[in-house]
Amino acid sequence: MEETLLHEIFGVSKSYRSTQTEVRQGGVFIAVEPLDKLYLCPKCRSRDVIRKGKRTRRVQTVPIGFHPVYLEVAVPRCQCHDCEHIFEIAPPFAQLTHITPKR
């Protein structure tokens, strides 16, 4: 059921899976991480990659009732073993926005 919500309602690619769901601070937080098939070098297309840590991006999506829903997306940092290219596996459903801060 949870995977159906993730893919059909929130629009998350089927290349990602949910690892944890919790309700805290008045909202629903869903931890999401990429499947192993996404660990692919964009430069040489090799699957022989070394994982070099990760960061988490928090993306707000459609609410459930009056509760806001946040996807906490793991963005792994990798290095290709063959060509030594360093890259991140950025989620296609959470594009970066460039916001200029007000001064």
Protein backbone atom coordinates (compact mmCIF):
# COMPACT_ATOMS: atom_id res chain seq x y z
CA MET A 1 0.00 0.00 0.00
CA GLU A 2 2.75 2.45 0.94
CA GLU A 3 4.59 1.89 -2.36
CA THR A 4 1.35 2.56 -4.26
CA LEU A 5 0.95 5.91 -2.48
CA LEU A 6 4.56 6.76 -3.16
CA HIS A 7 4.43 6.02 -6.89
CA GLU A 8 0.85 6.82 -7.87
CA ILE A 9 -0.13 9.70 -5.58
CA PHE A 10 3.17 11.47 -4.87
CA GLY A 11 4.63 10.87 -8.34
CA VAL A 12 7.87 9.24 -7.21
CA SER A 13 9.64 7.15 -9.86
CA LYS A 14 9.48 3.37 -9.44
CA SER A 15 13.28 3.47 -9.32
CA TYR A 16 12.97 4.66 -5.70
CA ARG A 17 11.69 2.85 -2.63
CA SER A 18 10.43 3.94 0.75
CA THR A 19 12.58 2.99 3.74
CA GLN A 20 10.75 4.65 6.63
CA THR A 21 7.55 6.58 7.36
CA GLU A 22 6.95 8.55 10.52
CA VAL A 23 4.63 11.23 11.85
CA ARG A 24 6.41 14.02 13.72
CA GLN A 25 6.06 17.75 14.22
CA GLY A 26 2.56 17.69 12.74
CA GLY A 27 3.67 16.24 9.41
CA VAL A 28 4.26 12.95 7.65
CA PHE A 29 7.90 12.23 6.74
CA ILE A 30 8.68 9.52 4.19
CA ALA A 31 12.32 8.47 3.70
CA VAL A 32 13.06 7.50 0.10
CA GLU A 33 16.21 6.03 -1.48
CA PRO A 34 17.20 4.95 -5.01
CA LEU A 35 17.25 1.30 -6.05
CA ASP A 36 20.57 -0.32 -6.95
CA LYS A 37 19.82 -0.12 -10.68
CA LEU A 38 20.33 3.68 -10.56
CA TYR A 39 23.95 3.34 -9.46
CA LEU A 40 25.32 3.86 -12.95
CA CYS A 41 28.09 6.22 -14.08
CA PRO A 42 26.61 8.94 -16.33
CA LYS A 43 29.93 9.37 -18.14
CA CYS A 44 30.96 5.81 -19.10
CA ARG A 45 27.73 3.89 -18.17
CA SER A 46 29.65 1.51 -15.87
CA ARG A 47 27.87 -0.14 -12.95
CA ASP A 48 31.14 -0.47 -11.02
CA VAL A 49 30.64 2.53 -8.71
CA ILE A 50 31.90 3.28 -5.22
CA ARG A 51 29.48 4.92 -2.79
CA LYS A 52 30.98 8.00 -1.14
CA GLY A 53 28.27 9.01 1.33
CA LYS A 54 24.97 10.78 0.82
CA ARG A 55 22.97 13.88 1.66
CA THR A 56 19.26 14.22 2.26
CA ARG A 57 16.91 16.55 0.42
CA ARG A 58 13.52 17.35 1.92
CA VAL A 59 10.77 17.90 -0.65
CA GLN A 60 7.22 18.91 0.27
CA THR A 61 4.50 17.13 -1.67
CA VAL A 62 0.68 17.01 -1.60
CA PRO A 63 -0.81 16.88 1.93
CA ILE A 64 -2.78 14.04 3.44
CA GLY A 65 -5.81 15.76 4.96
CA PHE A 66 -4.46 18.68 6.98
CA HIS A 67 -1.04 17.06 7.48
CA PRO A 68 1.84 18.21 5.26
CA VAL A 69 3.84 15.40 3.63
CA TYR A 70 7.60 15.59 3.17
CA LEU A 71 9.76 13.23 1.14
CA GLU A 72 13.25 12.91 2.63
CA VAL A 73 15.17 11.81 -0.44
CA ALA A 74 18.62 10.24 -0.10
CA VAL A 75 20.97 11.70 -2.74
CA PRO A 76 24.00 9.38 -2.88
CA ARG A 77 27.41 10.65 -3.93
CA CYS A 78 29.33 8.11 -6.01
CA GLN A 79 32.61 7.64 -7.84
CA CYS A 80 33.04 5.47 -10.90
CA HIS A 81 35.70 2.81 -10.39
CA ASP A 82 36.52 2.74 -14.12
CA CYS A 83 36.75 6.43 -15.14
CA GLU A 84 36.92 7.97 -11.60
CA HIS A 85 34.08 10.40 -12.39
CA ILE A 86 32.36 11.72 -9.22
CA PHE A 87 28.60 12.23 -9.44
CA GLU A 88 25.34 12.34 -7.47
CA ILE A 89 22.19 10.39 -8.20
CA ALA A 90 19.74 13.29 -8.27
CA PRO A 91 16.02 12.42 -8.07
CA PRO A 92 14.15 13.31 -11.28
CA PHE A 93 10.96 14.14 -9.37
CA ALA A 94 12.62 16.85 -7.22
CA GLN A 95 14.31 19.34 -9.49
CA LEU A 96 16.50 21.98 -7.89
CA THR A 97 15.03 25.45 -7.77
CA HIS A 98 17.16 28.55 -7.84
CA ILE A 99 15.79 31.10 -5.40
CA THR A 100 17.43 34.47 -4.98
CA PRO A 101 17.36 35.50 -1.32
CA LYS A 102 15.76 38.83 -0.47
CA ARG A 103 18.11 41.46 0.86
